[in-house]
Amino acid sequence: MTAPIIDWSMDVSVMPLCLKRFTVTSLLKISKLGKEDMKNYRRIPSLPFISELIEKLVARGVKEQLEHDDFHDSYQSAYRRGPSTEACSLESAHALIVMRFLMKDPGLH
């Protein structure tokens, strides 16, 4: 039964209204905290399993299409396999060091 719903949702690019409804469960963060104060609770939304599955399938499809068509900026590290934010930070730091060096001695470039 789930496959036809997922196929239909992907084909028409619509999430059925019945799958957009969720419940919220409130859990006390720490048992020692007062139960009267709502700030002491962590709210946990719960989507239907099929909604989460469709969301993951769509995200995977979009990522694969972006990679296949080479739509990512060469400096983009989010939503990509391989590059990490650490690698991006190091590359940015290196570029800043090089620029600063060139600005100190304009005769070098």
Protein backbone atom coordinates (compact mmCIF):
# COMPACT_ATOMS: atom_id res chain seq x y z
CA MET A 1 0.00 0.00 0.00
CA THR A 2 2.85 2.45 0.67
CA ALA A 3 4.49 2.15 -2.76
CA PRO A 4 1.50 3.61 -4.70
CA ILE A 5 1.28 6.55 -2.28
CA ILE A 6 4.99 7.27 -2.61
CA ASP A 7 4.91 6.89 -6.42
CA TRP A 8 1.88 9.17 -6.71
CA SER A 9 3.42 11.77 -4.39
CA MET A 10 6.67 11.78 -6.35
CA ASP A 11 4.90 11.89 -9.74
CA VAL A 12 2.66 14.85 -8.94
CA SER A 13 5.09 16.58 -6.53
CA VAL A 14 2.47 16.78 -3.81
CA MET A 15 2.54 15.55 -0.24
CA PRO A 16 -0.95 14.27 0.63
CA LEU A 17 -2.64 16.34 3.33
CA CYS A 18 -3.14 13.28 5.54
CA LEU A 19 0.67 12.85 5.65
CA LYS A 20 1.28 16.46 6.72
CA ARG A 21 -0.40 16.00 10.08
CA PHE A 22 1.79 15.24 13.05
CA THR A 23 1.55 14.83 16.76
CA VAL A 24 3.71 16.54 19.35
CA THR A 25 4.88 14.74 22.46
CA SER A 26 6.30 16.74 25.36
CA LEU A 27 9.04 15.11 27.40
CA LEU A 28 10.53 16.53 30.57
CA LYS A 29 14.18 17.45 29.83
CA ILE A 30 15.52 16.54 33.26
CA SER A 31 13.48 14.71 35.88
CA LYS A 32 14.60 17.15 38.61
CA LEU A 33 13.06 20.13 36.80
CA GLY A 34 9.61 21.37 37.74
CA LYS A 35 6.76 19.79 35.80
CA GLU A 36 4.71 22.99 35.98
CA ASP A 37 7.01 25.11 33.81
CA MET A 38 6.58 24.41 30.08
CA LYS A 39 10.16 25.60 29.41
CA ASN A 40 11.36 22.40 31.07
CA TYR A 41 9.84 20.25 28.34
CA ARG A 42 11.30 19.18 25.01
CA ARG A 43 8.68 19.05 22.28
CA ILE A 44 9.12 16.15 19.86
CA PRO A 45 7.10 16.24 16.62
CA SER A 46 6.19 12.90 15.13
CA LEU A 47 5.43 12.69 11.40
CA PRO A 48 3.95 9.58 9.87
CA PHE A 49 6.63 7.14 8.72
CA ILE A 50 5.57 7.46 5.06
CA SER A 51 6.04 11.26 5.20
CA GLU A 52 9.58 10.85 6.47
CA LEU A 53 10.30 8.21 3.83
CA ILE A 54 9.02 10.44 1.00
CA GLU A 55 11.07 13.36 2.36
CA LYS A 56 14.26 11.26 2.37
CA LEU A 57 13.60 9.90 -1.13
CA VAL A 58 13.00 13.40 -2.52
CA ALA A 59 16.14 14.75 -0.81
CA ARG A 60 18.22 11.89 -2.23
CA GLY A 61 16.80 12.46 -5.71
CA VAL A 62 17.54 16.19 -5.59
CA LYS A 63 21.11 15.59 -4.36
CA GLU A 64 21.75 13.01 -7.08
CA GLN A 65 20.38 15.35 -9.76
CA LEU A 66 22.51 18.26 -8.52
CA GLU A 67 25.62 16.07 -8.54
CA HIS A 68 24.81 14.54 -11.94
CA ASP A 69 24.22 17.92 -13.59
CA ASP A 70 27.15 19.54 -11.73
CA PHE A 71 25.00 22.35 -10.30
CA HIS A 72 27.02 22.70 -7.11
CA ASP A 73 29.30 25.67 -6.73
CA SER A 74 32.89 24.51 -6.46
CA TYR A 75 33.11 26.00 -2.95
CA GLN A 76 29.83 24.54 -1.73
CA SER A 77 30.30 21.90 0.94
CA ALA A 78 26.76 21.52 2.24
CA TYR A 79 24.53 18.82 0.74
CA ARG A 80 27.47 17.12 -0.95
CA ARG A 81 29.32 13.89 -0.48
CA GLY A 82 32.98 14.18 0.39
CA PRO A 83 33.64 17.85 1.19
CA SER A 84 33.37 18.77 4.84
CA THR A 85 32.94 22.10 6.56
CA GLU A 86 36.46 21.65 7.93
CA ALA A 87 37.89 21.34 4.41
CA CYS A 88 35.91 24.40 3.33
CA SER A 89 37.19 26.39 6.33
CA LEU A 90 40.78 25.40 5.61
CA GLU A 91 40.43 26.36 1.96
CA SER A 92 38.92 29.72 2.90
CA ALA A 93 41.66 30.37 5.47
CA HIS A 94 44.33 29.53 2.89
CA ALA A 95 42.76 31.92 0.36
CA LEU A 96 42.69 34.72 2.96
CA ILE A 97 46.36 34.13 3.85
CA VAL A 98 47.36 34.26 0.19
CA MET A 99 45.35 37.44 -0.39
CA ARG A 100 46.87 39.10 2.67
CA PHE A 101 50.38 38.13 1.54
CA LEU A 102 49.76 39.58 -1.93
CA MET A 103 48.36 42.80 -0.47
CA LYS A 104 51.52 43.31 1.65
CA ASP A 105 53.79 42.96 -1.35
CA PRO A 106 51.92 43.91 -4.55
CA GLY A 107 55.07 43.30 -6.61
CA LEU A 108 54.72 39.53 -6.14
CA HIS A 109 51.70 39.03 -8.41
